[in-house]
Amino acid sequence: MSQSLSKILLHVVFSTKNRVEPIPGDLEKALHAYLAGIIRANGSEAFRVGGTENHVHLACTLPRTITVSKLLEEIKKSSSAWIKKQHTDCQSFAWQAGYGVFSLGQSQLNVLIRYIDGQHEHHKNKTFQEEYLELLHKYDVEYDERYLWD
């Protein structure tokens, strides 16, 4: 085969550091658009970006040319710097050190997009920590809770 092709779909989740400094409400939509732009600039397809004041969800592809960790490093580094430039009261803004990334099939993509679109409603009754633990169980990811939160 002379051409290398792939389509690896990802569900990525990460929060603000310690979930203490929120994403300003008036900046949320612009941040999501900025995150989608970073994803695309790294050769990935951004299907949906959403979240709440303390975390984001990304539905995207993994480019053939970079690793998951490199993609997330670029997304978090660039968006953190962008947030700091947008609001003077966000000078200490930081994302958590880690992230959750889960693979999914094409048939699951529309369900994930609806899930991301419903984040504000979803979090009226559930914390980020509760949601994240549910995702780890759903995707059958082993973890040590001592190292889960920063």
C-alpha atoms as a PDB file:
ATOM      1  CA  MET A   1       0.000   0.000   0.000  1.00  0.00           C
ATOM      2  CA  SER A   2       1.553   3.314  -1.019  1.00  0.00           C
ATOM      3  CA  GLN A   3      -0.582   5.578   1.143  1.00  0.00           C
ATOM      4  CA  SER A   4      -0.876   5.644   4.941  1.00  0.00           C
ATOM      5  CA  LEU A   5      -4.419   6.371   6.118  1.00  0.00           C
ATOM      6  CA  SER A   6      -6.023   6.448   9.534  1.00  0.00           C
ATOM      7  CA  LYS A   7      -9.058   7.704  11.392  1.00  0.00           C
ATOM      8  CA  ILE A   8      -8.681   7.317  15.130  1.00  0.00           C
ATOM      9  CA  LEU A   9     -11.492   9.031  17.030  1.00  0.00           C
ATOM     10  CA  LEU A  10     -10.787  10.401  20.499  1.00  0.00           C
ATOM     11  CA  HIS A  11     -12.804  11.648  23.449  1.00  0.00           C
ATOM     12  CA  VAL A  12     -10.472  13.885  25.451  1.00  0.00           C
ATOM     13  CA  VAL A  13     -11.256  15.365  28.876  1.00  0.00           C
ATOM     14  CA  PHE A  14      -9.203  17.659  31.083  1.00  0.00           C
ATOM     15  CA  SER A  15      -9.933  20.229  33.751  1.00  0.00           C
ATOM     16  CA  THR A  16      -8.575  23.445  35.140  1.00  0.00           C
ATOM     17  CA  LYS A  17      -5.889  22.884  37.757  1.00  0.00           C
ATOM     18  CA  ASN A  18      -7.611  21.734  40.940  1.00  0.00           C
ATOM     19  CA  ARG A  19     -10.857  22.980  39.388  1.00  0.00           C
ATOM     20  CA  VAL A  20     -10.387  26.210  41.396  1.00  0.00           C
ATOM     21  CA  GLU A  21      -9.837  28.918  38.771  1.00  0.00           C
ATOM     22  CA  PRO A  22     -12.809  28.774  36.455  1.00  0.00           C
ATOM     23  CA  ILE A  23     -12.899  29.562  32.784  1.00  0.00           C
ATOM     24  CA  PRO A  24     -14.649  32.967  32.634  1.00  0.00           C
ATOM     25  CA  GLY A  25     -18.215  32.504  31.365  1.00  0.00           C
ATOM     26  CA  ASP A  26     -17.883  35.237  28.769  1.00  0.00           C
ATOM     27  CA  LEU A  27     -14.785  33.483  27.398  1.00  0.00           C
ATOM     28  CA  GLU A  28     -16.130  29.921  27.241  1.00  0.00           C
ATOM     29  CA  LYS A  29     -17.400  29.900  23.630  1.00  0.00           C
ATOM     30  CA  ALA A  30     -14.318  31.709  22.339  1.00  0.00           C
ATOM     31  CA  LEU A  31     -12.103  29.235  24.211  1.00  0.00           C
ATOM     32  CA  HIS A  32     -13.919  26.290  22.654  1.00  0.00           C
ATOM     33  CA  ALA A  33     -13.449  27.818  19.197  1.00  0.00           C
ATOM     34  CA  TYR A  34      -9.779  28.458  19.964  1.00  0.00           C
ATOM     35  CA  LEU A  35      -9.309  24.855  21.125  1.00  0.00           C
ATOM     36  CA  ALA A  36     -10.896  23.614  17.887  1.00  0.00           C
ATOM     37  CA  GLY A  37      -8.458  25.800  15.964  1.00  0.00           C
ATOM     38  CA  ILE A  38      -5.464  24.331  17.804  1.00  0.00           C
ATOM     39  CA  ILE A  39      -6.746  20.831  17.104  1.00  0.00           C
ATOM     40  CA  ARG A  40      -7.043  21.608  13.392  1.00  0.00           C
ATOM     41  CA  ALA A  41      -3.639  23.345  13.300  1.00  0.00           C
ATOM     42  CA  ASN A  42      -2.128  20.066  14.497  1.00  0.00           C
ATOM     43  CA  GLY A  43      -3.631  18.091  11.626  1.00  0.00           C
ATOM     44  CA  SER A  44      -6.589  16.740  13.567  1.00  0.00           C
ATOM     45  CA  GLU A  45     -10.278  17.021  12.842  1.00  0.00           C
ATOM     46  CA  ALA A  46     -12.308  18.747  15.574  1.00  0.00           C
ATOM     47  CA  PHE A  47     -15.885  17.433  15.679  1.00  0.00           C
ATOM     48  CA  ARG A  48     -16.923  19.164  18.905  1.00  0.00           C
ATOM     49  CA  VAL A  49     -15.384  21.108  21.785  1.00  0.00           C
ATOM     50  CA  GLY A  50     -17.413  21.891  24.878  1.00  0.00           C
ATOM     51  CA  GLY A  51     -17.483  21.799  28.632  1.00  0.00           C
ATOM     52  CA  THR A  52     -18.177  23.951  31.651  1.00  0.00           C
ATOM     53  CA  GLU A  53     -16.358  26.516  33.775  1.00  0.00           C
ATOM     54  CA  ASN A  54     -13.851  23.948  35.054  1.00  0.00           C
ATOM     55  CA  HIS A  55     -13.252  21.409  32.302  1.00  0.00           C
ATOM     56  CA  VAL A  56     -13.437  20.679  28.588  1.00  0.00           C
ATOM     57  CA  HIS A  57     -14.360  17.730  26.380  1.00  0.00           C
ATOM     58  CA  LEU A  58     -12.934  17.306  22.889  1.00  0.00           C
ATOM     59  CA  ALA A  59     -14.224  15.019  20.146  1.00  0.00           C
ATOM     60  CA  CYS A  60     -11.441  14.857  17.585  1.00  0.00           C
ATOM     61  CA  THR A  61      -9.213  12.624  15.527  1.00  0.00           C
ATOM     62  CA  LEU A  62      -5.634  11.670  16.293  1.00  0.00           C
ATOM     63  CA  PRO A  63      -3.375  12.791  13.454  1.00  0.00           C
ATOM     64  CA  ARG A  64      -1.122  10.123  11.931  1.00  0.00           C
ATOM     65  CA  THR A  65       1.943  12.249  12.522  1.00  0.00           C
ATOM     66  CA  ILE A  66       1.921  12.982  16.276  1.00  0.00           C
ATOM     67  CA  THR A  67       1.252  11.182  19.529  1.00  0.00           C
ATOM     68  CA  VAL A  68      -1.679  11.775  21.850  1.00  0.00           C
ATOM     69  CA  SER A  69       0.642  13.306  24.446  1.00  0.00           C
ATOM     70  CA  LYS A  70       2.129  15.751  21.915  1.00  0.00           C
ATOM     71  CA  LEU A  71      -1.333  16.772  20.669  1.00  0.00           C
ATOM     72  CA  LEU A  72      -2.521  17.411  24.245  1.00  0.00           C
ATOM     73  CA  GLU A  73       0.669  19.272  25.125  1.00  0.00           C
ATOM     74  CA  GLU A  74       0.100  21.636  22.202  1.00  0.00           C
ATOM     75  CA  ILE A  75      -3.605  22.095  22.979  1.00  0.00           C
ATOM     76  CA  LYS A  76      -3.086  22.820  26.672  1.00  0.00           C
ATOM     77  CA  LYS A  77       0.028  24.989  26.317  1.00  0.00           C
ATOM     78  CA  SER A  78      -1.396  27.199  23.582  1.00  0.00           C
ATOM     79  CA  SER A  79      -4.860  27.585  25.124  1.00  0.00           C
ATOM     80  CA  SER A  80      -3.465  28.370  28.584  1.00  0.00           C
ATOM     81  CA  ALA A  81      -1.360  31.191  27.135  1.00  0.00           C
ATOM     82  CA  TRP A  82      -4.377  32.427  25.136  1.00  0.00           C
ATOM     83  CA  ILE A  83      -6.627  32.547  28.225  1.00  0.00           C
ATOM     84  CA  LYS A  84      -4.014  34.549  30.140  1.00  0.00           C
ATOM     85  CA  LYS A  85      -3.938  37.122  27.320  1.00  0.00           C
ATOM     86  CA  GLN A  86      -7.740  37.404  27.208  1.00  0.00           C
ATOM     87  CA  HIS A  87      -8.369  38.199  30.881  1.00  0.00           C
ATOM     88  CA  THR A  88      -6.074  40.059  33.246  1.00  0.00           C
ATOM     89  CA  ASP A  89      -7.652  38.200  36.177  1.00  0.00           C
ATOM     90  CA  CYS A  90      -6.587  34.842  34.655  1.00  0.00           C
ATOM     91  CA  GLN A  91      -2.823  35.340  34.986  1.00  0.00           C
ATOM     92  CA  SER A  92      -2.464  32.226  37.161  1.00  0.00           C
ATOM     93  CA  PHE A  93      -4.733  30.080  34.967  1.00  0.00           C
ATOM     94  CA  ALA A  94      -3.506  26.530  34.381  1.00  0.00           C
ATOM     95  CA  TRP A  95      -4.874  23.232  33.137  1.00  0.00           C
ATOM     96  CA  GLN A  96      -4.480  20.102  35.241  1.00  0.00           C
ATOM     97  CA  ALA A  97      -1.291  18.162  34.548  1.00  0.00           C
ATOM     98  CA  GLY A  98      -3.065  15.076  33.247  1.00  0.00           C
ATOM     99  CA  TYR A  99      -5.966  14.248  30.976  1.00  0.00           C
ATOM    100  CA  GLY A 100      -8.265  11.428  30.026  1.00  0.00           C
ATOM    101  CA  VAL A 101      -8.311  10.222  26.450  1.00  0.00           C
ATOM    102  CA  PHE A 102     -10.560   7.451  25.216  1.00  0.00           C
ATOM    103  CA  SER A 103     -11.002   5.846  21.812  1.00  0.00           C
ATOM    104  CA  LEU A 104     -14.358   5.370  20.170  1.00  0.00           C
ATOM    105  CA  GLY A 105     -15.830   4.028  16.979  1.00  0.00           C
ATOM    106  CA  GLN A 106     -17.427   6.039  14.192  1.00  0.00           C
ATOM    107  CA  SER A 107     -20.885   4.815  15.245  1.00  0.00           C
ATOM    108  CA  GLN A 108     -20.362   6.399  18.697  1.00  0.00           C
ATOM    109  CA  LEU A 109     -19.375   9.862  17.457  1.00  0.00           C
ATOM    110  CA  ASN A 110     -22.868  11.414  17.298  1.00  0.00           C
ATOM    111  CA  VAL A 111     -23.636  10.193  20.826  1.00  0.00           C
ATOM    112  CA  LEU A 112     -20.416  11.816  22.061  1.00  0.00           C
ATOM    113  CA  ILE A 113     -21.225  15.078  20.271  1.00  0.00           C
ATOM    114  CA  ARG A 114     -24.652  15.195  21.959  1.00  0.00           C
ATOM    115  CA  TYR A 115     -22.996  14.416  25.299  1.00  0.00           C
ATOM    116  CA  ILE A 116     -20.553  17.295  24.872  1.00  0.00           C
ATOM    117  CA  ASP A 117     -23.346  19.644  23.786  1.00  0.00           C
ATOM    118  CA  GLY A 118     -25.264  18.802  26.984  1.00  0.00           C
ATOM    119  CA  GLN A 119     -22.456  19.527  29.442  1.00  0.00           C
ATOM    120  CA  HIS A 120     -24.056  22.494  31.207  1.00  0.00           C
ATOM    121  CA  GLU A 121     -27.286  20.580  31.779  1.00  0.00           C
ATOM    122  CA  HIS A 122     -25.388  17.434  32.749  1.00  0.00           C
ATOM    123  CA  HIS A 123     -23.379  19.287  35.411  1.00  0.00           C
ATOM    124  CA  LYS A 124     -26.380  20.689  37.209  1.00  0.00           C
ATOM    125  CA  ASN A 125     -26.464  17.356  39.052  1.00  0.00           C
ATOM    126  CA  LYS A 126     -22.934  16.002  38.772  1.00  0.00           C
ATOM    127  CA  THR A 127     -19.443  17.247  39.602  1.00  0.00           C
ATOM    128  CA  PHE A 128     -16.498  16.954  37.256  1.00  0.00           C
ATOM    129  CA  GLN A 129     -14.953  14.354  39.561  1.00  0.00           C
ATOM    130  CA  GLU A 130     -18.111  12.222  39.483  1.00  0.00           C
ATOM    131  CA  GLU A 131     -18.308  12.490  35.705  1.00  0.00           C
ATOM    132  CA  TYR A 132     -14.632  11.642  35.247  1.00  0.00           C
ATOM    133  CA  LEU A 133     -14.876   8.546  37.456  1.00  0.00           C
ATOM    134  CA  GLU A 134     -17.908   7.428  35.428  1.00  0.00           C
ATOM    135  CA  LEU A 135     -15.920   7.852  32.204  1.00  0.00           C
ATOM    136  CA  LEU A 136     -13.032   5.810  33.584  1.00  0.00           C
ATOM    137  CA  HIS A 137     -15.473   3.026  34.489  1.00  0.00           C
ATOM    138  CA  LYS A 138     -17.311   3.276  31.156  1.00  0.00           C
ATOM    139  CA  TYR A 139     -14.078   2.953  29.176  1.00  0.00           C
ATOM    140  CA  ASP A 140     -12.741   0.318  31.623  1.00  0.00           C
ATOM    141  CA  VAL A 141      -9.614   2.293  32.529  1.00  0.00           C
ATOM    142  CA  GLU A 142      -7.614   1.162  35.552  1.00  0.00           C
ATOM    143  CA  TYR A 143      -6.470   4.001  37.819  1.00  0.00           C
ATOM    144  CA  ASP A 144      -5.084   4.793  41.253  1.00  0.00           C
ATOM    145  CA  GLU A 145      -7.225   7.523  42.830  1.00  0.00           C
ATOM    146  CA  ARG A 146      -4.226   8.748  44.865  1.00  0.00           C
ATOM    147  CA  TYR A 147      -2.834  10.145  41.608  1.00  0.00           C
ATOM    148  CA  LEU A 148      -6.065  11.057  39.843  1.00  0.00           C
ATOM    149  CA  TRP A 149      -6.605  14.611  41.065  1.00  0.00           C
ATOM    150  CA  ASP A 150      -4.227  17.564  41.103  1.00  0.00           C
END
